[in-house]
């Protein structure tokens, strides 16, 4: 016979089996984020930061240095400019695209480079009567 009275529950939760479940796939450290989110940051500050990054010439030169990018390079053969690279252009592309093969007696290479990794230096290969600039 049911009287209508319900007994109070004595137990609400337990941690039984939980640690086994946690260790099934291992307990991992939280992944570190590279950049903190700028969500909710003052828009005026964000706008200023964007312009500061855009017009940061010192930082740009430093970046070019680290990436081995040319500030300026020009190769002169027989008094005529053959290859010219503008600042910011990669040293490897123009010379590799058109390997400069010229029969010349007078030539000069003028390079104004911030810094270049050792593998990027220009080598001059001499054959009987021609010169080739390769990297």
N, C-alpha and C. Protein backbone atom coordinates (compact mmCIF):
# COMPACT_ATOMS: atom_id res chain seq x y z
N UNK A 1 0.85 -1.18 0.00
CA UNK A 1 0.00 0.00 0.00
C UNK A 1 0.90 1.23 0.00
N UNK A 2 0.63 2.13 -0.95
CA UNK A 2 1.43 3.34 -1.11
C UNK A 2 0.76 4.48 -0.38
N UNK A 3 1.46 5.06 0.55
CA UNK A 3 0.86 6.11 1.38
C UNK A 3 0.99 7.49 0.76
N UNK A 4 1.83 7.64 -0.27
CA UNK A 4 2.01 8.95 -0.90
C UNK A 4 3.22 9.70 -0.39
N UNK A 5 3.85 9.20 0.64
CA UNK A 5 5.05 9.85 1.16
C UNK A 5 6.26 9.36 0.37
N UNK A 6 7.11 10.28 -0.06
CA UNK A 6 8.32 9.91 -0.80
C UNK A 6 9.51 10.14 0.12
N UNK A 7 10.38 9.15 0.18
CA UNK A 7 11.57 9.29 1.02
C UNK A 7 12.57 10.23 0.37
N UNK A 8 13.26 10.99 1.18
CA UNK A 8 14.28 11.90 0.67
C UNK A 8 15.48 11.09 0.19
N UNK A 9 16.08 11.55 -0.93
CA UNK A 9 17.28 10.87 -1.43
C UNK A 9 18.44 11.22 -0.53
N UNK A 10 19.27 10.24 -0.27
CA UNK A 10 20.38 10.49 0.65
C UNK A 10 21.65 10.90 -0.08
N UNK A 11 21.75 10.57 -1.37
CA UNK A 11 23.01 10.80 -2.09
C UNK A 11 22.72 11.50 -3.41
N UNK A 12 23.42 12.59 -3.68
CA UNK A 12 23.18 13.34 -4.92
C UNK A 12 24.18 12.99 -6.03
N UNK A 13 25.45 12.83 -5.70
CA UNK A 13 26.42 12.47 -6.74
C UNK A 13 27.60 11.74 -6.12
N UNK A 14 28.40 11.15 -7.01
CA UNK A 14 29.58 10.43 -6.55
C UNK A 14 30.67 10.56 -7.60
N UNK A 15 31.92 10.43 -7.19
CA UNK A 15 33.02 10.50 -8.16
C UNK A 15 33.48 9.09 -8.55
N UNK A 16 32.64 8.11 -8.31
CA UNK A 16 32.99 6.74 -8.65
C UNK A 16 33.27 6.63 -10.15
N UNK A 17 34.39 6.03 -10.52
CA UNK A 17 34.77 5.74 -11.92
C UNK A 17 35.22 6.99 -12.69
N UNK A 18 35.13 8.17 -12.09
CA UNK A 18 35.45 9.38 -12.85
C UNK A 18 36.95 9.46 -13.17
N UNK A 19 37.81 9.19 -12.19
CA UNK A 19 39.25 9.30 -12.45
C UNK A 19 39.69 8.28 -13.49
N UNK A 20 39.04 7.11 -13.52
CA UNK A 20 39.35 6.11 -14.54
C UNK A 20 39.02 6.67 -15.93
N UNK A 21 37.87 7.34 -16.02
CA UNK A 21 37.45 7.94 -17.29
C UNK A 21 38.42 9.07 -17.71
N UNK A 22 38.84 9.88 -16.72
CA UNK A 22 39.75 10.98 -17.03
C UNK A 22 41.07 10.46 -17.58
N UNK A 23 41.56 9.35 -17.02
CA UNK A 23 42.86 8.83 -17.41
C UNK A 23 42.82 7.96 -18.66
N UNK A 24 41.62 7.64 -19.14
CA UNK A 24 41.51 6.81 -20.35
C UNK A 24 42.29 7.43 -21.51
N UNK A 25 42.10 8.73 -21.73
CA UNK A 25 42.81 9.45 -22.79
C UNK A 25 43.94 10.30 -22.22
N UNK A 26 44.22 10.15 -20.97
CA UNK A 26 45.30 10.91 -20.35
C UNK A 26 44.85 12.30 -19.96
N UNK A 27 45.42 12.80 -18.89
CA UNK A 27 45.11 14.17 -18.47
C UNK A 27 46.16 15.06 -19.11
N UNK A 28 45.71 15.96 -19.98
CA UNK A 28 46.64 16.78 -20.76
C UNK A 28 46.70 18.19 -20.20
N UNK A 29 47.85 18.84 -20.46
CA UNK A 29 47.99 20.24 -20.07
C UNK A 29 47.14 21.08 -21.03
N UNK A 30 46.66 22.22 -20.58
CA UNK A 30 45.90 23.07 -21.50
C UNK A 30 46.82 23.61 -22.59
N UNK A 31 46.32 23.69 -23.81
CA UNK A 31 47.13 24.19 -24.93
C UNK A 31 47.38 25.68 -24.76
N UNK A 32 48.62 26.09 -25.00
CA UNK A 32 48.93 27.51 -24.85
C UNK A 32 48.56 28.23 -26.14
N UNK A 33 48.00 29.39 -26.00
CA UNK A 33 47.61 30.20 -27.16
C UNK A 33 48.78 31.09 -27.53
N UNK A 34 49.02 31.27 -28.85
CA UNK A 34 50.12 32.10 -29.28
C UNK A 34 49.84 33.58 -29.01
N UNK A 35 48.66 34.02 -29.42
CA UNK A 35 48.28 35.41 -29.21
C UNK A 35 47.02 35.46 -28.35
N UNK A 36 47.03 36.38 -27.42
CA UNK A 36 45.83 36.57 -26.60
C UNK A 36 44.79 37.29 -27.44
N UNK A 37 43.56 36.94 -27.27
CA UNK A 37 42.48 37.53 -28.05
C UNK A 37 42.36 39.02 -27.76
N UNK A 38 42.06 39.80 -28.79
CA UNK A 38 41.87 41.24 -28.62
C UNK A 38 40.39 41.59 -28.55
N UNK A 39 39.58 40.57 -28.30
CA UNK A 39 38.13 40.76 -28.20
C UNK A 39 37.83 41.61 -26.97
N UNK A 40 37.04 42.64 -27.17
CA UNK A 40 36.65 43.48 -26.04
C UNK A 40 37.66 44.54 -25.66
N UNK A 41 38.75 44.66 -26.45
CA UNK A 41 39.76 45.69 -26.16
C UNK A 41 39.27 47.01 -26.75
N UNK A 42 39.68 48.10 -26.13
CA UNK A 42 39.26 49.44 -26.53
C UNK A 42 39.49 49.65 -28.03
N UNK A 43 38.42 49.94 -28.81
CA UNK A 43 38.56 50.08 -30.28
C UNK A 43 39.52 51.19 -30.69
N UNK A 44 39.57 52.27 -29.90
CA UNK A 44 40.47 53.38 -30.21
C UNK A 44 41.93 52.90 -30.14
N UNK A 45 42.21 52.12 -29.12
CA UNK A 45 43.56 51.57 -28.94
C UNK A 45 43.89 50.60 -30.08
N UNK A 46 42.93 49.75 -30.46
CA UNK A 46 43.16 48.78 -31.54
C UNK A 46 43.47 49.49 -32.85
N UNK A 47 42.71 50.56 -33.13
CA UNK A 47 42.91 51.32 -34.36
C UNK A 47 44.31 51.92 -34.39
N UNK A 48 44.73 52.48 -33.27
CA UNK A 48 46.06 53.08 -33.17
C UNK A 48 47.14 52.01 -33.35
N UNK A 49 46.91 50.84 -32.75
CA UNK A 49 47.89 49.76 -32.84
C UNK A 49 48.05 49.30 -34.29
N UNK A 50 46.93 49.27 -35.03
CA UNK A 50 46.98 48.84 -36.42
C UNK A 50 47.84 49.80 -37.24
N UNK A 51 47.65 51.11 -37.03
CA UNK A 51 48.45 52.10 -37.76
C UNK A 51 49.91 52.04 -37.35
N UNK A 52 50.17 51.80 -36.07
CA UNK A 52 51.55 51.72 -35.58
C UNK A 52 52.27 50.55 -36.24
N UNK A 53 51.59 49.42 -36.39
CA UNK A 53 52.20 48.26 -37.06
C UNK A 53 52.46 48.57 -38.52
N UNK A 54 51.51 49.26 -39.15
CA UNK A 54 51.57 49.55 -40.57
C UNK A 54 52.77 50.43 -40.92
N UNK A 55 53.06 51.39 -40.06
CA UNK A 55 54.10 52.37 -40.37
C UNK A 55 55.37 52.16 -39.56
N UNK A 56 55.61 50.95 -39.13
CA UNK A 56 56.79 50.65 -38.32
C UNK A 56 57.96 50.28 -39.24
N UNK A 57 58.75 51.28 -39.66
CA UNK A 57 59.83 51.04 -40.62
C UNK A 57 60.98 50.24 -40.02
N UNK A 58 61.31 50.55 -38.75
CA UNK A 58 62.41 49.83 -38.11
C UNK A 58 62.10 48.35 -38.01
N UNK A 59 60.90 48.05 -37.58
CA UNK A 59 60.47 46.65 -37.43
C UNK A 59 60.44 45.94 -38.76
N UNK A 60 60.06 46.68 -39.82
CA UNK A 60 59.99 46.10 -41.17
C UNK A 60 61.38 45.72 -41.65
N UNK A 61 62.35 46.62 -41.42
CA UNK A 61 63.73 46.32 -41.82
C UNK A 61 64.27 45.11 -41.07
N UNK A 62 63.94 45.04 -39.78
CA UNK A 62 64.37 43.91 -38.96
C UNK A 62 63.78 42.61 -39.49
N UNK A 63 62.51 42.69 -39.91
CA UNK A 63 61.83 41.52 -40.45
C UNK A 63 62.50 41.08 -41.75
N UNK A 64 62.83 42.05 -42.62
CA UNK A 64 63.51 41.73 -43.88
C UNK A 64 64.84 41.05 -43.59
N UNK A 65 65.56 41.59 -42.58
CA UNK A 65 66.85 41.03 -42.19
C UNK A 65 66.71 39.57 -41.83
N UNK A 66 65.73 39.27 -40.99
CA UNK A 66 65.54 37.89 -40.54
C UNK A 66 65.14 36.96 -41.67
N UNK A 67 64.39 37.49 -42.64
CA UNK A 67 63.91 36.64 -43.74
C UNK A 67 64.89 36.61 -44.91
N UNK A 68 66.01 37.33 -44.81
CA UNK A 68 67.00 37.35 -45.89
C UNK A 68 66.47 38.06 -47.11
N UNK A 69 65.80 39.18 -46.92
CA UNK A 69 65.22 39.92 -48.04
C UNK A 69 66.10 41.12 -48.33
N UNK A 70 66.20 41.47 -49.59
CA UNK A 70 67.11 42.49 -50.07
C UNK A 70 66.60 43.89 -49.76
N UNK A 71 67.52 44.80 -49.40
CA UNK A 71 67.13 46.20 -49.34
C UNK A 71 67.30 46.80 -50.73
N UNK A 72 68.39 46.46 -51.41
CA UNK A 72 68.53 46.84 -52.82
C UNK A 72 69.69 46.05 -53.43
N UNK A 73 69.52 45.64 -54.66
CA UNK A 73 70.60 44.93 -55.36
C UNK A 73 70.57 45.34 -56.82
N UNK A 74 71.72 45.55 -57.39
CA UNK A 74 71.79 45.85 -58.82
C UNK A 74 73.06 45.26 -59.38
N UNK A 75 72.94 44.64 -60.53
CA UNK A 75 74.11 44.04 -61.18
C UNK A 75 74.37 44.80 -62.47
N UNK A 76 75.59 45.29 -62.59
CA UNK A 76 75.94 46.11 -63.74
C UNK A 76 76.89 45.33 -64.63
N UNK A 77 76.54 45.19 -65.89
CA UNK A 77 77.41 44.50 -66.84
C UNK A 77 77.68 45.43 -68.00
N UNK A 78 78.96 45.67 -68.30
CA UNK A 78 79.38 46.59 -69.36
C UNK A 78 78.71 47.96 -69.23
N UNK A 79 78.59 48.44 -68.02
CA UNK A 79 78.02 49.77 -67.81
C UNK A 79 76.52 49.84 -67.90
N UNK A 80 75.83 48.71 -68.13
CA UNK A 80 74.37 48.73 -68.21
C UNK A 80 73.79 47.94 -67.04
N UNK A 81 72.69 48.45 -66.50
CA UNK A 81 72.05 47.75 -65.39
C UNK A 81 71.25 46.57 -65.93
N UNK A 82 71.56 45.40 -65.45
CA UNK A 82 70.89 44.21 -65.96
C UNK A 82 69.77 43.76 -65.03
N UNK A 83 70.08 43.67 -63.76
CA UNK A 83 69.08 43.19 -62.80
C UNK A 83 68.97 44.19 -61.67
N UNK A 84 67.76 44.59 -61.37
CA UNK A 84 67.54 45.47 -60.23
C UNK A 84 66.39 44.93 -59.40
N UNK A 85 66.58 44.90 -58.09
CA UNK A 85 65.52 44.47 -57.18
C UNK A 85 65.15 45.64 -56.29
N UNK A 86 63.87 45.83 -56.10
CA UNK A 86 63.41 46.89 -55.21
C UNK A 86 63.41 46.40 -53.78
N UNK A 87 63.41 47.32 -52.83
CA UNK A 87 63.37 46.90 -51.43
C UNK A 87 62.15 46.02 -51.16
N UNK A 88 62.39 44.98 -50.39
CA UNK A 88 61.30 44.09 -50.03
C UNK A 88 61.16 42.90 -50.95
N UNK A 89 61.84 42.93 -52.11
CA UNK A 89 61.72 41.78 -53.01
C UNK A 89 62.72 40.72 -52.59
N UNK A 90 62.39 39.49 -52.85
CA UNK A 90 63.25 38.38 -52.43
C UNK A 90 64.44 38.29 -53.37
N UNK A 91 65.62 38.05 -52.82
CA UNK A 91 66.85 38.01 -53.61
C UNK A 91 66.86 36.84 -54.57
N UNK A 92 66.22 35.73 -54.18
CA UNK A 92 66.33 34.51 -54.98
C UNK A 92 65.58 34.62 -56.30
N UNK A 93 64.41 35.26 -56.32
CA UNK A 93 63.55 35.18 -57.50
C UNK A 93 64.11 35.82 -58.78
N UNK A 94 64.53 37.11 -58.80
CA UNK A 94 64.90 37.70 -60.09
C UNK A 94 66.11 37.04 -60.74
N UNK A 95 67.09 36.66 -59.93
CA UNK A 95 68.30 36.08 -60.51
C UNK A 95 68.04 34.66 -60.96
N UNK A 96 67.25 33.92 -60.20
CA UNK A 96 66.96 32.55 -60.61
C UNK A 96 66.09 32.53 -61.86
N UNK A 97 65.18 33.51 -61.98
CA UNK A 97 64.28 33.53 -63.13
C UNK A 97 65.07 33.76 -64.40
N UNK A 98 65.92 34.76 -64.39
CA UNK A 98 66.74 35.00 -65.57
C UNK A 98 68.20 34.87 -65.15
N UNK A 99 68.76 33.70 -65.30
CA UNK A 99 70.17 33.51 -64.97
C UNK A 99 70.97 34.40 -65.91
N UNK A 100 71.69 35.29 -65.31
CA UNK A 100 72.36 36.31 -66.10
C UNK A 100 73.61 35.73 -66.75
N UNK A 101 73.52 35.41 -68.02
CA UNK A 101 74.69 34.89 -68.74
C UNK A 101 75.14 35.96 -69.74
N UNK A 102 76.31 36.52 -69.52
CA UNK A 102 76.79 37.59 -70.39
C UNK A 102 78.27 37.38 -70.69
N UNK A 103 78.62 37.70 -71.89
CA UNK A 103 80.05 37.73 -72.21
C UNK A 103 80.51 39.15 -71.95
N UNK A 104 81.24 39.33 -70.87
CA UNK A 104 81.59 40.69 -70.48
C UNK A 104 82.97 40.72 -69.87
N UNK A 105 83.65 41.83 -70.08
CA UNK A 105 84.95 42.01 -69.45
C UNK A 105 84.77 42.86 -68.20
N UNK A 106 83.99 43.93 -68.32
CA UNK A 106 83.80 44.82 -67.17
C UNK A 106 82.43 44.57 -66.56
N UNK A 107 82.45 44.21 -65.30
CA UNK A 107 81.16 44.03 -64.60
C UNK A 107 81.34 44.37 -63.14
N UNK A 108 80.31 44.89 -62.55
CA UNK A 108 80.34 45.15 -61.12
C UNK A 108 79.01 44.71 -60.52
N UNK A 109 79.08 44.25 -59.32
CA UNK A 109 77.86 43.88 -58.61
C UNK A 109 77.76 44.78 -57.39
N UNK A 110 76.72 45.56 -57.35
CA UNK A 110 76.52 46.44 -56.20
C UNK A 110 75.36 45.90 -55.39
N UNK A 111 75.63 45.57 -54.17
CA UNK A 111 74.57 45.02 -53.33
C UNK A 111 74.48 45.84 -52.05
N UNK A 112 73.30 46.39 -51.81
CA UNK A 112 73.05 47.04 -50.53
C UNK A 112 72.08 46.16 -49.77
N UNK A 113 72.60 45.23 -49.02
CA UNK A 113 71.75 44.24 -48.37
C UNK A 113 71.81 44.45 -46.87
N UNK A 114 70.68 44.38 -46.24
CA UNK A 114 70.66 44.51 -44.79
C UNK A 114 71.45 43.36 -44.20
N UNK A 115 71.04 42.16 -44.52
CA UNK A 115 71.78 40.97 -44.10
C UNK A 115 71.19 39.80 -44.87
N UNK A 116 72.00 38.83 -45.17
CA UNK A 116 71.50 37.68 -45.94
C UNK A 116 72.07 36.42 -45.34
N UNK A 117 71.28 35.38 -45.33
CA UNK A 117 71.77 34.10 -44.83
C UNK A 117 72.90 33.62 -45.74
N UNK A 118 73.80 32.82 -45.21
CA UNK A 118 74.98 32.43 -45.97
C UNK A 118 74.65 31.71 -47.26
N UNK A 119 73.54 30.98 -47.30
CA UNK A 119 73.21 30.23 -48.51
C UNK A 119 72.74 31.13 -49.63
N UNK A 120 72.52 32.42 -49.34
CA UNK A 120 71.97 33.31 -50.35
C UNK A 120 73.01 34.19 -51.03
N UNK A 121 74.29 34.06 -50.67
CA UNK A 121 75.29 34.91 -51.30
C UNK A 121 75.41 34.59 -52.79
N UNK A 122 75.76 35.62 -53.55
CA UNK A 122 75.89 35.44 -55.00
C UNK A 122 77.25 34.85 -55.31
N UNK A 123 77.25 33.80 -56.11
CA UNK A 123 78.50 33.21 -56.57
C UNK A 123 78.64 33.53 -58.06
N UNK A 124 79.83 33.83 -58.51
CA UNK A 124 80.06 34.08 -59.93
C UNK A 124 80.78 32.88 -60.51
N UNK A 125 80.14 32.25 -61.48
CA UNK A 125 80.75 31.08 -62.11
C UNK A 125 81.42 31.52 -63.40
N UNK A 126 82.70 31.19 -63.52
CA UNK A 126 83.44 31.59 -64.72
C UNK A 126 83.58 30.40 -65.66
N UNK A 127 83.23 30.60 -66.90
CA UNK A 127 83.60 29.60 -67.92
C UNK A 127 84.55 30.31 -68.87
N UNK A 128 84.83 29.75 -70.02
CA UNK A 128 85.84 30.30 -70.93
C UNK A 128 85.65 31.79 -71.18
N UNK A 129 84.51 32.19 -71.70
CA UNK A 129 84.34 33.62 -71.97
C UNK A 129 82.97 34.14 -71.53
N UNK A 130 82.33 33.46 -70.60
CA UNK A 130 81.03 33.96 -70.14
C UNK A 130 80.98 33.95 -68.61
N UNK A 131 80.09 34.73 -68.09
CA UNK A 131 79.90 34.79 -66.65
C UNK A 131 78.44 34.52 -66.33
N UNK A 132 78.20 33.77 -65.29
CA UNK A 132 76.82 33.51 -64.88
C UNK A 132 76.69 33.82 -63.40
N UNK A 133 75.66 34.52 -63.06
CA UNK A 133 75.40 34.80 -61.66
C UNK A 133 74.35 33.82 -61.16
N UNK A 134 74.71 33.03 -60.18
CA UNK A 134 73.73 32.11 -59.61
C UNK A 134 73.75 32.24 -58.11
N UNK A 135 72.76 31.64 -57.50
CA UNK A 135 72.69 31.69 -56.03
C UNK A 135 72.86 30.29 -55.50
